[in-house]
Protein backbone atom coordinates (compact mmCIF):
# COMPACT_ATOMS: atom_id res chain seq x y z
CA MET A 1 -9.91 25.97 9.22
CA SER A 2 -6.84 27.96 10.12
CA PHE A 3 -3.76 28.64 7.70
CA LEU A 4 -1.36 25.75 9.26
CA GLU A 5 -5.12 23.24 9.30
CA THR A 6 -4.60 23.93 5.84
CA LEU A 7 -0.94 23.29 5.60
CA GLY A 8 -1.84 19.96 7.15
CA LYS A 9 -4.12 19.01 4.88
CA ALA A 10 -2.48 20.42 2.04
CA ARG A 11 0.71 18.43 2.70
CA ALA A 12 -1.19 15.00 3.25
CA TYR A 13 -3.05 16.24 -0.39
CA LEU A 14 0.20 16.18 -1.91
CA ARG A 15 2.45 13.38 -0.58
CA GLN A 16 -1.20 11.25 -1.07
CA TYR A 17 -1.07 11.59 -4.59
CA GLY A 18 2.72 13.10 -5.23
CA ARG A 19 2.12 15.55 -8.01
CA VAL A 20 -0.10 18.18 -8.14
CA SER A 21 -1.56 21.20 -10.03
CA LEU A 22 -1.79 24.40 -7.91
CA ARG A 23 -4.90 25.01 -8.85
CA ALA A 24 -6.50 22.02 -7.87
CA ILE A 25 -5.11 22.72 -4.78
CA ALA A 26 -6.64 26.40 -4.44
CA ARG A 27 -9.53 24.72 -5.79
CA GLU A 28 -9.46 21.69 -3.18
CA PHE A 29 -8.81 23.54 -0.55
CA GLU A 30 -10.75 27.26 -1.30
CA LEU A 31 -7.89 29.93 -1.62
CA ASP A 32 -7.52 32.60 -2.96
CA ASP A 33 -4.22 33.39 -5.38
CA ASP A 34 -1.96 35.30 -2.33
CA ALA A 35 -2.86 32.22 -0.56
CA LEU A 36 -2.21 29.80 -2.63
CA GLU A 37 1.30 31.57 -2.82
CA VAL A 38 2.02 31.26 0.48
CA LEU A 39 1.33 27.76 0.79
CA ALA A 40 3.66 26.53 -2.15
CA ALA A 41 6.53 29.06 -0.27
CA GLU A 42 6.00 27.15 3.02
CA LEU A 43 5.96 23.56 0.89
CA VAL A 44 9.11 24.61 -1.19
CA GLU A 45 10.77 26.74 -0.11
CA VAL A 46 10.42 26.60 4.40
CA GLN A 47 9.95 23.09 4.83
CA GLY A 48 11.73 21.47 1.88
CA VAL A 49 9.23 18.48 1.35
CA ALA A 50 7.90 19.47 -2.18
CA THR A 51 9.25 21.39 -6.02
CA ARG A 52 7.80 23.48 -8.10
CA GLU A 53 8.01 23.87 -11.67
CA GLY A 54 5.55 26.45 -13.14
CA GLN A 55 1.87 25.03 -11.66
CA VAL A 56 2.76 22.22 -11.06
CA LEU A 57 3.79 20.68 -6.98
CA THR A 58 6.03 17.46 -6.72
CA TRP A 59 6.47 15.94 -2.92
CA THR A 60 10.16 15.56 -2.46
CA GLY A 61 9.58 14.42 1.49
CA PRO A 62 9.96 11.73 3.22
CA GLU A 63 7.37 8.88 2.30
CA GLU A 64 5.12 7.84 5.03
CA GLY A 65 6.47 6.17 8.30
CA ALA A 66 9.89 7.26 7.18
CA ALA A 67 12.48 8.66 9.97
CA VAL A 68 14.19 11.64 9.44
CA ALA A 69 17.16 12.96 10.60
CA ARG A 70 16.93 16.85 12.13
CA SER A 71 20.50 17.49 13.56
CA ASP A 72 20.59 14.87 16.52
CA VAL A 73 16.67 14.37 16.53
CA VAL A 74 14.84 11.69 14.88
CA VAL A 75 11.36 12.27 14.30
CA ILE A 76 9.14 9.52 12.72
CA ILE A 77 6.20 10.31 10.56
CA VAL A 78 2.97 9.14 10.81
CA PRO A 79 -0.20 8.93 9.25
CA ALA A 80 -3.27 10.74 10.66
CA LEU A 81 -5.80 8.89 11.77
């Protein structure tokens, strides 16, 4: 599985559970320490959909099905089937 595929699945996992330890994410997606840090940075710093408190990520992004405004474009997020 590519990093971007893993990122998408980890994002959905975090959205579903709301608050997840980095250790649980590493185990669920079989990530080494470097990949886990990159994934956490992507979710927190780049995408802005999570906060990090020590070894825990908390979902702060939109709820499923919510409309998100980005400049003049509206993006509707729907769950994958």
